[in-house]
N, C-alpha and C. Protein backbone atom coordinates (compact mmCIF):
# COMPACT_ATOMS: atom_id res chain seq x y z
N MET A 1 18.22 4.65 13.99
CA MET A 1 16.82 4.53 14.40
C MET A 1 16.23 3.24 13.84
N LYS A 2 15.45 2.56 14.68
CA LYS A 2 14.72 1.38 14.24
C LYS A 2 13.30 1.78 13.85
N ALA A 3 12.72 1.02 12.95
CA ALA A 3 11.37 1.35 12.49
C ALA A 3 10.40 1.44 13.67
N GLY A 4 10.57 0.54 14.64
CA GLY A 4 9.67 0.54 15.79
C GLY A 4 9.82 1.74 16.71
N ASP A 5 10.90 2.50 16.54
CA ASP A 5 11.12 3.67 17.38
C ASP A 5 10.41 4.92 16.87
N LEU A 6 9.82 4.85 15.69
CA LEU A 6 9.15 6.02 15.13
C LEU A 6 7.99 6.44 16.03
N ASN A 7 7.93 7.72 16.34
CA ASN A 7 6.88 8.26 17.22
C ASN A 7 6.20 9.42 16.51
N PHE A 8 4.94 9.25 16.21
CA PHE A 8 4.21 10.29 15.49
C PHE A 8 3.26 11.07 16.40
N SER A 9 3.46 10.96 17.71
CA SER A 9 2.53 11.62 18.63
C SER A 9 2.61 13.14 18.55
N GLU A 10 3.76 13.65 18.12
CA GLU A 10 3.90 15.08 17.95
C GLU A 10 3.95 15.40 16.46
N GLY A 11 3.22 16.42 16.08
CA GLY A 11 3.24 16.84 14.69
C GLY A 11 2.19 16.19 13.83
N LEU A 12 1.34 15.34 14.41
CA LEU A 12 0.30 14.67 13.64
C LEU A 12 -0.99 15.47 13.74
N ASN A 13 -1.59 15.77 12.61
CA ASN A 13 -2.82 16.56 12.57
C ASN A 13 -3.83 15.91 11.65
N PHE A 14 -5.10 15.92 12.08
CA PHE A 14 -6.17 15.35 11.26
C PHE A 14 -7.26 16.39 11.07
N ASP A 15 -7.67 16.62 9.83
CA ASP A 15 -8.74 17.54 9.49
C ASP A 15 -9.99 16.72 9.18
N PRO A 16 -10.97 16.65 10.08
CA PRO A 16 -12.15 15.81 9.84
C PRO A 16 -12.98 16.28 8.65
N GLY A 17 -12.86 17.55 8.29
CA GLY A 17 -13.62 18.06 7.16
C GLY A 17 -13.17 17.48 5.84
N THR A 18 -11.89 17.25 5.71
CA THR A 18 -11.34 16.71 4.46
C THR A 18 -10.92 15.25 4.59
N GLY A 19 -10.77 14.78 5.83
CA GLY A 19 -10.28 13.42 6.04
C GLY A 19 -8.79 13.29 5.84
N ILE A 20 -8.08 14.43 5.76
CA ILE A 20 -6.65 14.40 5.50
C ILE A 20 -5.85 14.37 6.80
N THR A 21 -4.92 13.45 6.89
CA THR A 21 -4.00 13.37 8.01
C THR A 21 -2.62 13.79 7.54
N THR A 22 -1.98 14.67 8.31
CA THR A 22 -0.63 15.12 7.94
C THR A 22 0.31 14.94 9.13
N PHE A 23 1.57 14.79 8.82
CA PHE A 23 2.62 14.74 9.83
C PHE A 23 3.68 15.76 9.44
N LYS A 24 3.83 16.79 10.28
CA LYS A 24 4.76 17.88 9.98
C LYS A 24 4.53 18.41 8.57
N ASP A 25 3.25 18.66 8.28
CA ASP A 25 2.81 19.26 7.00
C ASP A 25 2.99 18.34 5.80
N SER A 26 3.29 17.07 6.01
CA SER A 26 3.39 16.12 4.91
C SER A 26 2.27 15.09 5.03
N ARG A 27 1.66 14.74 3.90
CA ARG A 27 0.54 13.81 3.91
C ARG A 27 1.00 12.42 4.32
N LEU A 28 0.23 11.78 5.20
CA LEU A 28 0.48 10.38 5.52
C LEU A 28 -0.70 9.51 5.06
N VAL A 29 -1.90 9.92 5.39
CA VAL A 29 -3.09 9.21 4.94
C VAL A 29 -4.02 10.24 4.33
N LEU A 30 -4.44 10.02 3.11
CA LEU A 30 -5.22 11.04 2.43
C LEU A 30 -6.65 11.11 2.92
N MET A 31 -7.24 9.96 3.25
CA MET A 31 -8.65 9.95 3.63
C MET A 31 -8.88 8.96 4.76
N ASN A 32 -9.92 9.25 5.55
CA ASN A 32 -10.32 8.26 6.54
C ASN A 32 -11.11 7.16 5.84
N ALA A 33 -11.44 6.11 6.55
CA ALA A 33 -12.04 4.93 5.93
C ALA A 33 -13.38 5.25 5.26
N ASN A 34 -14.24 6.01 5.92
CA ASN A 34 -15.55 6.30 5.35
C ASN A 34 -15.44 7.18 4.11
N SER A 35 -14.57 8.18 4.17
CA SER A 35 -14.39 9.05 3.01
C SER A 35 -13.85 8.25 1.84
N PHE A 36 -12.89 7.40 2.12
CA PHE A 36 -12.31 6.58 1.07
C PHE A 36 -13.35 5.63 0.49
N GLY A 37 -14.15 5.04 1.36
CA GLY A 37 -15.17 4.11 0.89
C GLY A 37 -16.15 4.76 -0.05
N MET A 38 -16.56 5.99 0.26
CA MET A 38 -17.49 6.72 -0.60
C MET A 38 -16.86 7.01 -1.96
N LEU A 39 -15.59 7.43 -1.95
CA LEU A 39 -14.90 7.73 -3.21
C LEU A 39 -14.74 6.45 -4.03
N ARG A 40 -14.34 5.39 -3.38
CA ARG A 40 -14.13 4.12 -4.07
C ARG A 40 -15.41 3.67 -4.75
N GLN A 41 -16.53 3.72 -4.02
CA GLN A 41 -17.80 3.27 -4.59
C GLN A 41 -18.25 4.16 -5.73
N MET A 42 -18.01 5.46 -5.61
CA MET A 42 -18.38 6.38 -6.68
C MET A 42 -17.61 6.07 -7.96
N LEU A 43 -16.33 5.78 -7.82
CA LEU A 43 -15.52 5.44 -8.98
C LEU A 43 -16.02 4.15 -9.64
N ILE A 44 -16.34 3.16 -8.83
CA ILE A 44 -16.84 1.90 -9.37
C ILE A 44 -18.17 2.10 -10.09
N ASP A 45 -19.07 2.87 -9.47
CA ASP A 45 -20.40 3.08 -10.05
C ASP A 45 -20.36 3.86 -11.35
N THR A 46 -19.46 4.82 -11.45
CA THR A 46 -19.43 5.70 -12.62
C THR A 46 -18.46 5.24 -13.70
N MET A 47 -17.40 4.51 -13.33
CA MET A 47 -16.37 4.14 -14.29
C MET A 47 -16.23 2.64 -14.50
N GLY A 48 -16.86 1.87 -13.66
CA GLY A 48 -16.70 0.42 -13.75
C GLY A 48 -15.52 -0.05 -12.93
N VAL A 49 -15.50 -1.35 -12.66
CA VAL A 49 -14.50 -1.92 -11.77
C VAL A 49 -13.08 -1.77 -12.34
N ASP A 50 -12.90 -2.07 -13.62
CA ASP A 50 -11.55 -2.08 -14.19
C ASP A 50 -10.90 -0.70 -14.15
N ARG A 51 -11.62 0.34 -14.53
CA ARG A 51 -11.05 1.69 -14.52
C ARG A 51 -10.84 2.18 -13.10
N ALA A 52 -11.79 1.87 -12.21
CA ALA A 52 -11.64 2.27 -10.81
C ALA A 52 -10.41 1.60 -10.21
N LYS A 53 -10.23 0.33 -10.50
CA LYS A 53 -9.07 -0.41 -10.01
C LYS A 53 -7.78 0.24 -10.49
N ASN A 54 -7.72 0.59 -11.76
CA ASN A 54 -6.54 1.21 -12.33
C ASN A 54 -6.23 2.54 -11.66
N ILE A 55 -7.25 3.36 -11.46
CA ILE A 55 -7.07 4.67 -10.83
C ILE A 55 -6.57 4.53 -9.40
N LEU A 56 -7.17 3.63 -8.64
CA LEU A 56 -6.80 3.48 -7.24
C LEU A 56 -5.43 2.84 -7.06
N LEU A 57 -5.07 1.93 -7.96
CA LEU A 57 -3.72 1.37 -7.92
C LEU A 57 -2.68 2.47 -8.13
N LYS A 58 -2.91 3.34 -9.11
CA LYS A 58 -1.98 4.43 -9.40
C LYS A 58 -1.92 5.42 -8.23
N PHE A 59 -3.09 5.71 -7.67
CA PHE A 59 -3.17 6.61 -6.53
C PHE A 59 -2.32 6.09 -5.37
N GLY A 60 -2.48 4.81 -5.05
CA GLY A 60 -1.71 4.21 -3.97
C GLY A 60 -0.22 4.17 -4.28
N TYR A 61 0.11 3.85 -5.52
CA TYR A 61 1.52 3.74 -5.91
C TYR A 61 2.24 5.07 -5.72
N LYS A 62 1.65 6.14 -6.20
CA LYS A 62 2.30 7.46 -6.09
C LYS A 62 2.47 7.86 -4.63
N ASN A 63 1.47 7.57 -3.81
CA ASN A 63 1.57 7.92 -2.39
C ASN A 63 2.62 7.08 -1.68
N GLY A 64 2.67 5.79 -1.98
CA GLY A 64 3.67 4.92 -1.36
C GLY A 64 5.08 5.34 -1.73
N TYR A 65 5.28 5.67 -2.99
CA TYR A 65 6.60 6.08 -3.45
C TYR A 65 7.04 7.37 -2.76
N SER A 66 6.13 8.35 -2.71
CA SER A 66 6.50 9.64 -2.11
C SER A 66 6.68 9.53 -0.61
N ASP A 67 5.88 8.68 0.05
CA ASP A 67 6.04 8.50 1.49
C ASP A 67 7.40 7.89 1.81
N PHE A 68 7.84 6.94 1.00
CA PHE A 68 9.16 6.34 1.23
C PHE A 68 10.26 7.39 1.11
N ILE A 69 10.19 8.20 0.07
CA ILE A 69 11.21 9.24 -0.13
C ILE A 69 11.22 10.19 1.07
N GLN A 70 10.04 10.51 1.58
CA GLN A 70 9.95 11.40 2.75
C GLN A 70 10.61 10.77 3.98
N MET A 71 10.31 9.50 4.24
CA MET A 71 10.88 8.83 5.40
C MET A 71 12.40 8.71 5.27
N LYS A 72 12.87 8.41 4.07
CA LYS A 72 14.30 8.25 3.86
C LYS A 72 15.05 9.55 4.07
N SER A 73 14.43 10.67 3.70
CA SER A 73 15.10 11.96 3.82
C SER A 73 15.00 12.55 5.22
N ASN A 74 14.00 12.14 5.99
CA ASN A 74 13.77 12.75 7.31
C ASN A 74 14.35 11.96 8.48
N TYR A 75 14.66 10.69 8.25
CA TYR A 75 15.14 9.85 9.36
C TYR A 75 16.33 9.02 8.92
N LYS A 76 17.17 8.69 9.88
CA LYS A 76 18.31 7.81 9.61
C LYS A 76 18.05 6.48 10.30
N PHE A 77 17.97 5.41 9.52
CA PHE A 77 17.65 4.10 10.06
C PHE A 77 18.91 3.26 10.25
N ASP A 78 18.82 2.28 11.14
CA ASP A 78 19.97 1.44 11.47
C ASP A 78 20.37 0.54 10.29
N SER A 79 19.42 0.20 9.44
CA SER A 79 19.71 -0.69 8.32
C SER A 79 18.68 -0.47 7.22
N GLU A 80 18.96 -1.03 6.06
CA GLU A 80 17.99 -0.95 4.97
C GLU A 80 16.70 -1.67 5.35
N MET A 81 16.82 -2.76 6.09
CA MET A 81 15.65 -3.52 6.49
C MET A 81 14.72 -2.68 7.37
N GLU A 82 15.33 -1.87 8.27
CA GLU A 82 14.53 -1.00 9.12
C GLU A 82 13.82 0.07 8.30
N LEU A 83 14.51 0.60 7.30
CA LEU A 83 13.90 1.61 6.44
C LEU A 83 12.73 1.00 5.69
N LEU A 84 12.89 -0.19 5.16
CA LEU A 84 11.82 -0.87 4.44
C LEU A 84 10.63 -1.11 5.36
N ALA A 85 10.90 -1.49 6.60
CA ALA A 85 9.83 -1.83 7.54
C ALA A 85 9.10 -0.61 8.06
N SER A 86 9.66 0.58 7.88
CA SER A 86 9.03 1.78 8.44
C SER A 86 7.66 2.05 7.82
N GLY A 87 7.42 1.60 6.58
CA GLY A 87 6.10 1.77 5.96
C GLY A 87 5.02 1.03 6.72
N PRO A 88 5.17 -0.29 6.95
CA PRO A 88 4.20 -1.00 7.77
C PRO A 88 4.05 -0.42 9.17
N VAL A 89 5.15 0.10 9.74
CA VAL A 89 5.07 0.69 11.07
C VAL A 89 4.16 1.91 11.07
N ILE A 90 4.28 2.73 10.03
CA ILE A 90 3.41 3.91 9.92
C ILE A 90 1.95 3.48 9.94
N HIS A 91 1.61 2.48 9.13
CA HIS A 91 0.23 2.03 9.05
C HIS A 91 -0.25 1.43 10.36
N THR A 92 0.63 0.69 11.03
CA THR A 92 0.27 0.11 12.31
C THR A 92 -0.05 1.20 13.32
N TRP A 93 0.78 2.24 13.36
CA TRP A 93 0.56 3.32 14.32
C TRP A 93 -0.77 4.03 14.06
N GLN A 94 -1.11 4.19 12.80
CA GLN A 94 -2.33 4.91 12.47
C GLN A 94 -3.57 4.09 12.79
N GLY A 95 -3.41 2.80 13.01
CA GLY A 95 -4.55 1.98 13.38
C GLY A 95 -5.46 1.65 12.22
N ILE A 96 -5.03 1.91 11.00
CA ILE A 96 -5.87 1.62 9.84
C ILE A 96 -5.53 0.26 9.27
N VAL A 97 -4.26 0.01 9.12
CA VAL A 97 -3.80 -1.26 8.58
C VAL A 97 -2.70 -1.79 9.49
N HIS A 98 -2.86 -2.97 10.01
CA HIS A 98 -1.84 -3.57 10.85
C HIS A 98 -1.03 -4.53 9.97
N ALA A 99 0.11 -4.09 9.53
CA ALA A 99 0.90 -4.85 8.57
C ALA A 99 2.04 -5.57 9.26
N SER A 100 2.15 -6.85 9.02
CA SER A 100 3.20 -7.67 9.63
C SER A 100 4.01 -8.34 8.54
N PRO A 101 5.24 -7.86 8.28
CA PRO A 101 6.07 -8.55 7.29
C PRO A 101 6.36 -9.98 7.74
N THR A 102 6.24 -10.92 6.83
CA THR A 102 6.49 -12.31 7.17
C THR A 102 7.74 -12.86 6.51
N LYS A 103 8.14 -12.28 5.38
CA LYS A 103 9.37 -12.72 4.74
C LYS A 103 9.91 -11.58 3.87
N ILE A 104 11.17 -11.23 4.05
CA ILE A 104 11.81 -10.22 3.23
C ILE A 104 13.11 -10.79 2.70
N GLN A 105 13.30 -10.70 1.41
CA GLN A 105 14.54 -11.16 0.80
C GLN A 105 14.89 -10.20 -0.33
N PHE A 106 16.08 -9.63 -0.29
CA PHE A 106 16.48 -8.78 -1.41
C PHE A 106 17.99 -8.87 -1.61
N ASP A 107 18.39 -8.74 -2.85
CA ASP A 107 19.79 -8.78 -3.22
C ASP A 107 20.00 -7.75 -4.32
N ARG A 108 20.62 -6.64 -3.97
CA ARG A 108 20.79 -5.56 -4.95
C ARG A 108 21.68 -5.99 -6.10
N ASP A 109 22.69 -6.79 -5.82
CA ASP A 109 23.61 -7.22 -6.88
C ASP A 109 22.90 -8.11 -7.91
N GLU A 110 22.04 -8.98 -7.42
CA GLU A 110 21.33 -9.88 -8.32
C GLU A 110 20.06 -9.26 -8.87
N GLY A 111 19.63 -8.16 -8.26
CA GLY A 111 18.40 -7.50 -8.72
C GLY A 111 17.14 -8.24 -8.33
N SER A 112 17.19 -9.01 -7.25
CA SER A 112 16.01 -9.76 -6.81
C SER A 112 15.41 -9.14 -5.55
N PHE A 113 14.11 -9.23 -5.43
CA PHE A 113 13.42 -8.67 -4.28
C PHE A 113 12.13 -9.47 -4.07
N TYR A 114 11.95 -9.99 -2.86
CA TYR A 114 10.72 -10.69 -2.53
C TYR A 114 10.28 -10.27 -1.13
N PHE A 115 9.00 -10.00 -0.97
CA PHE A 115 8.50 -9.51 0.31
C PHE A 115 7.08 -10.02 0.46
N THR A 116 6.78 -10.66 1.57
CA THR A 116 5.40 -11.05 1.84
C THR A 116 4.99 -10.48 3.18
N GLY A 117 3.70 -10.31 3.37
CA GLY A 117 3.22 -9.76 4.63
C GLY A 117 1.72 -9.94 4.76
N ILE A 118 1.20 -9.58 5.91
CA ILE A 118 -0.22 -9.76 6.20
C ILE A 118 -0.83 -8.47 6.71
N TRP A 119 -1.99 -8.12 6.17
CA TRP A 119 -2.82 -7.07 6.75
C TRP A 119 -3.85 -7.75 7.63
N LYS A 120 -3.83 -7.46 8.92
CA LYS A 120 -4.77 -8.09 9.83
C LYS A 120 -6.17 -7.48 9.68
N ASN A 121 -6.22 -6.27 9.18
CA ASN A 121 -7.51 -5.69 8.78
C ASN A 121 -7.23 -4.71 7.66
N SER A 122 -8.21 -4.46 6.86
CA SER A 122 -8.02 -3.59 5.72
C SER A 122 -9.27 -2.75 5.52
N TYR A 123 -9.10 -1.42 5.55
CA TYR A 123 -10.27 -0.58 5.36
C TYR A 123 -10.85 -0.73 3.97
N GLU A 124 -10.02 -1.07 2.98
CA GLU A 124 -10.56 -1.27 1.64
C GLU A 124 -11.45 -2.50 1.59
N ALA A 125 -11.00 -3.58 2.20
CA ALA A 125 -11.81 -4.80 2.23
C ALA A 125 -13.08 -4.57 3.03
N GLU A 126 -12.98 -3.87 4.16
CA GLU A 126 -14.16 -3.61 4.98
C GLU A 126 -15.19 -2.77 4.22
N GLN A 127 -14.71 -1.74 3.52
CA GLN A 127 -15.62 -0.89 2.76
C GLN A 127 -16.26 -1.67 1.61
N HIS A 128 -15.49 -2.54 0.98
CA HIS A 128 -16.05 -3.34 -0.11
C HIS A 128 -17.15 -4.26 0.41
N LEU A 129 -16.90 -4.94 1.51
CA LEU A 129 -17.88 -5.87 2.06
C LEU A 129 -19.13 -5.15 2.56
N ALA A 130 -18.97 -3.88 2.96
CA ALA A 130 -20.12 -3.11 3.44
C ALA A 130 -21.06 -2.71 2.31
N HIS A 131 -20.52 -2.64 1.09
CA HIS A 131 -21.32 -2.15 -0.04
C HIS A 131 -21.55 -3.18 -1.14
N ASN A 132 -20.78 -4.25 -1.13
CA ASN A 132 -20.85 -5.23 -2.21
C ASN A 132 -20.81 -6.64 -1.67
N GLN A 133 -20.99 -7.59 -2.55
CA GLN A 133 -20.87 -8.99 -2.17
C GLN A 133 -19.39 -9.37 -2.09
N VAL A 134 -19.11 -10.55 -1.58
CA VAL A 134 -17.74 -11.04 -1.53
C VAL A 134 -17.18 -11.09 -2.94
N SER A 135 -15.97 -10.60 -3.10
CA SER A 135 -15.36 -10.48 -4.41
C SER A 135 -14.72 -11.80 -4.85
N THR A 136 -14.53 -11.93 -6.15
CA THR A 136 -13.81 -13.10 -6.67
C THR A 136 -12.33 -12.81 -6.84
N GLU A 137 -11.90 -11.59 -6.50
CA GLU A 137 -10.50 -11.21 -6.61
C GLU A 137 -10.14 -10.23 -5.51
N PRO A 138 -8.86 -9.94 -5.29
CA PRO A 138 -8.45 -8.97 -4.27
C PRO A 138 -9.09 -7.61 -4.52
N VAL A 139 -9.43 -6.90 -3.46
CA VAL A 139 -10.08 -5.59 -3.60
C VAL A 139 -9.28 -4.46 -2.95
N CYS A 140 -8.14 -4.75 -2.33
CA CYS A 140 -7.36 -3.71 -1.66
C CYS A 140 -6.42 -3.03 -2.65
N TRP A 141 -7.01 -2.39 -3.64
CA TRP A 141 -6.22 -1.86 -4.74
C TRP A 141 -5.27 -0.76 -4.31
N THR A 142 -5.76 0.19 -3.53
CA THR A 142 -4.89 1.29 -3.11
C THR A 142 -3.74 0.79 -2.25
N LEU A 143 -4.02 -0.16 -1.37
CA LEU A 143 -2.96 -0.69 -0.50
C LEU A 143 -1.94 -1.48 -1.29
N MET A 144 -2.39 -2.22 -2.31
CA MET A 144 -1.43 -2.93 -3.16
C MET A 144 -0.59 -1.93 -3.93
N GLY A 145 -1.22 -0.85 -4.38
CA GLY A 145 -0.46 0.19 -5.06
C GLY A 145 0.55 0.84 -4.14
N TYR A 146 0.12 1.11 -2.90
CA TYR A 146 1.01 1.74 -1.92
C TYR A 146 2.24 0.85 -1.67
N ALA A 147 1.99 -0.43 -1.44
CA ALA A 147 3.11 -1.35 -1.18
C ALA A 147 4.03 -1.44 -2.39
N SER A 148 3.46 -1.42 -3.60
CA SER A 148 4.27 -1.47 -4.81
C SER A 148 5.15 -0.24 -4.94
N GLY A 149 4.56 0.94 -4.70
CA GLY A 149 5.33 2.18 -4.80
C GLY A 149 6.38 2.31 -3.73
N TRP A 150 6.03 1.93 -2.49
CA TRP A 150 6.97 2.00 -1.37
C TRP A 150 8.21 1.15 -1.64
N CYS A 151 7.99 -0.09 -2.06
CA CYS A 151 9.11 -1.01 -2.26
C CYS A 151 9.88 -0.71 -3.54
N THR A 152 9.20 -0.16 -4.54
CA THR A 152 9.91 0.27 -5.75
C THR A 152 10.88 1.40 -5.41
N ALA A 153 10.43 2.34 -4.58
CA ALA A 153 11.30 3.44 -4.16
C ALA A 153 12.48 2.92 -3.35
N PHE A 154 12.22 1.91 -2.51
CA PHE A 154 13.28 1.34 -1.70
C PHE A 154 14.35 0.67 -2.56
N PHE A 155 13.90 -0.16 -3.50
CA PHE A 155 14.84 -0.98 -4.25
C PHE A 155 15.41 -0.28 -5.47
N GLY A 156 14.68 0.71 -5.99
CA GLY A 156 15.16 1.45 -7.15
C GLY A 156 14.86 0.79 -8.48
N SER A 157 13.99 -0.20 -8.48
CA SER A 157 13.55 -0.84 -9.72
C SER A 157 12.12 -1.35 -9.50
N PRO A 158 11.37 -1.57 -10.60
CA PRO A 158 9.95 -1.89 -10.47
C PRO A 158 9.65 -3.14 -9.64
N LEU A 159 8.66 -2.99 -8.76
CA LEU A 159 8.16 -4.11 -7.96
C LEU A 159 6.64 -4.04 -7.92
N VAL A 160 6.01 -5.20 -7.85
CA VAL A 160 4.55 -5.27 -7.90
C VAL A 160 4.04 -6.08 -6.72
N ALA A 161 3.08 -5.51 -5.99
CA ALA A 161 2.43 -6.20 -4.87
C ALA A 161 1.07 -6.72 -5.32
N ILE A 162 0.80 -7.98 -5.03
CA ILE A 162 -0.50 -8.58 -5.33
C ILE A 162 -0.94 -9.39 -4.11
N GLU A 163 -2.24 -9.41 -3.86
CA GLU A 163 -2.79 -10.17 -2.73
C GLU A 163 -3.26 -11.55 -3.18
N PRO A 164 -2.59 -12.61 -2.76
CA PRO A 164 -3.13 -13.95 -3.03
C PRO A 164 -4.32 -14.26 -2.13
N TYR A 165 -4.40 -13.55 -0.98
CA TYR A 165 -5.54 -13.71 -0.08
C TYR A 165 -6.06 -12.33 0.29
N CYS A 166 -7.38 -12.18 0.36
CA CYS A 166 -7.98 -10.88 0.66
C CYS A 166 -9.29 -11.08 1.41
N MET A 167 -9.50 -10.30 2.47
CA MET A 167 -10.75 -10.40 3.23
C MET A 167 -11.95 -10.07 2.35
N GLY A 168 -11.73 -9.19 1.36
CA GLY A 168 -12.81 -8.85 0.44
C GLY A 168 -13.23 -10.04 -0.41
N ALA A 169 -12.36 -11.05 -0.48
CA ALA A 169 -12.66 -12.28 -1.22
C ALA A 169 -13.04 -13.41 -0.25
N GLY A 170 -13.26 -13.04 1.01
CA GLY A 170 -13.73 -14.02 1.99
C GLY A 170 -12.65 -14.71 2.79
N HIS A 171 -11.39 -14.27 2.67
CA HIS A 171 -10.32 -14.88 3.43
C HIS A 171 -10.21 -14.25 4.82
N HIS A 172 -9.48 -14.91 5.69
CA HIS A 172 -9.36 -14.44 7.08
C HIS A 172 -8.51 -13.18 7.20
N VAL A 173 -7.49 -13.06 6.36
CA VAL A 173 -6.60 -11.90 6.38
C VAL A 173 -6.35 -11.45 4.95
N CYS A 174 -5.75 -10.27 4.82
CA CYS A 174 -5.26 -9.80 3.53
C CYS A 174 -3.75 -10.04 3.53
N GLU A 175 -3.30 -10.89 2.63
CA GLU A 175 -1.88 -11.20 2.56
C GLU A 175 -1.35 -10.77 1.20
N TRP A 176 -0.22 -10.06 1.22
CA TRP A 176 0.35 -9.62 -0.05
C TRP A 176 1.69 -10.28 -0.30
N GLU A 177 2.05 -10.32 -1.57
CA GLU A 177 3.37 -10.77 -1.98
C GLU A 177 3.92 -9.75 -2.97
N ILE A 178 5.18 -9.38 -2.81
CA ILE A 178 5.80 -8.37 -3.67
C ILE A 178 7.01 -8.98 -4.36
N LYS A 179 7.06 -8.86 -5.67
CA LYS A 179 8.22 -9.35 -6.42
C LYS A 179 8.31 -8.60 -7.75
N PRO A 180 9.41 -8.76 -8.49
CA PRO A 180 9.59 -8.04 -9.75
C PRO A 180 8.53 -8.41 -10.78
N PRO A 181 8.19 -7.48 -11.68
CA PRO A 181 7.16 -7.76 -12.69
C PRO A 181 7.43 -9.03 -13.50
N LYS A 182 8.69 -9.28 -13.83
CA LYS A 182 9.03 -10.44 -14.66
C LYS A 182 8.74 -11.76 -13.95
N ASP A 183 8.61 -11.73 -12.64
CA ASP A 183 8.39 -12.95 -11.88
C ASP A 183 6.91 -13.23 -11.61
N TRP A 184 6.03 -12.31 -12.05
CA TRP A 184 4.59 -12.56 -11.97
C TRP A 184 4.12 -13.18 -13.27
N GLY A 185 3.11 -13.99 -13.20
CA GLY A 185 2.52 -14.57 -14.39
C GLY A 185 1.41 -13.66 -14.93
N ASP A 186 0.39 -14.27 -15.50
CA ASP A 186 -0.71 -13.51 -16.08
C ASP A 186 -1.43 -12.66 -15.04
N GLU A 187 -1.41 -13.12 -13.78
CA GLU A 187 -2.12 -12.37 -12.75
C GLU A 187 -1.52 -10.99 -12.51
N GLY A 188 -0.26 -10.80 -12.92
CA GLY A 188 0.39 -9.51 -12.73
C GLY A 188 0.09 -8.49 -13.81
N ALA A 189 -0.51 -8.93 -14.92
CA ALA A 189 -0.69 -8.05 -16.08
C ALA A 189 -1.45 -6.76 -15.79
N PRO A 190 -2.62 -6.79 -15.11
CA PRO A 190 -3.34 -5.53 -14.88
C PRO A 190 -2.58 -4.56 -13.97
N TYR A 191 -1.78 -5.09 -13.06
CA TYR A 191 -1.01 -4.23 -12.15
C TYR A 191 0.17 -3.61 -12.89
N ILE A 192 0.83 -4.41 -13.69
CA ILE A 192 1.95 -3.90 -14.49
C ILE A 192 1.46 -2.82 -15.44
N GLU A 193 0.28 -3.02 -16.02
CA GLU A 193 -0.30 -2.02 -16.92
C GLU A 193 -0.55 -0.71 -16.18
N ALA A 194 -1.00 -0.80 -14.93
CA ALA A 194 -1.30 0.40 -14.15
C ALA A 194 -0.04 1.18 -13.79
N TYR A 195 1.05 0.46 -13.52
CA TYR A 195 2.26 1.11 -13.01
C TYR A 195 3.28 1.47 -14.08
N LYS A 196 3.17 0.90 -15.28
CA LYS A 196 4.27 1.00 -16.23
C LYS A 196 4.62 2.45 -16.60
N GLU A 197 3.65 3.36 -16.49
CA GLU A 197 3.96 4.75 -16.81
C GLU A 197 4.95 5.34 -15.80
N PHE A 198 4.99 4.79 -14.60
CA PHE A 198 5.92 5.27 -13.59
C PHE A 198 7.33 4.72 -13.82
N TRP A 199 7.44 3.66 -14.60
CA TRP A 199 8.73 3.01 -14.81
C TRP A 199 9.43 3.46 -16.07
N GLU A 200 8.71 4.18 -16.93
CA GLU A 200 9.29 4.59 -18.22
C GLU A 200 10.21 5.79 -18.07
């Protein structure tokens, strides 16, 4: 099976009361954009940006990791590359995030992994801009966490996704880059701190 062959038209259910979307009784998207935006803003208002960021990064990471395990166990893909790409395909189908991988490089023997891609729209960035001014840093925390967890599950060792460009910071698109923690500089520190409990 190729990632593009995935069809979620059967077995997909959405509960508007909770904002939960499931596929064959398994969670795919926990909240719709408005529900997520309200939760995100509440966390920022009550806990501050740094703690809210940490919570949402962890939230996304756990969901990305578990979604990958679910896809790997339920479908047989033609190649590892197709399995890796199935995450962006899921988001594209849902119409929430249109993710386009632009470069993928991995070598299991050498332990290296690099992945870049673009979000053509991001509900996190949209919600941030609706409630706040343009940010001085990336704001798609849950999506960065999701990408980190998804690719960590794929490769079997820690990986960190960071956005060098984000619509919440006034850029045209949200672009992420994923690589091992040791290959990030100081900018990777807050993300590594958020995820390190999952790597121990």
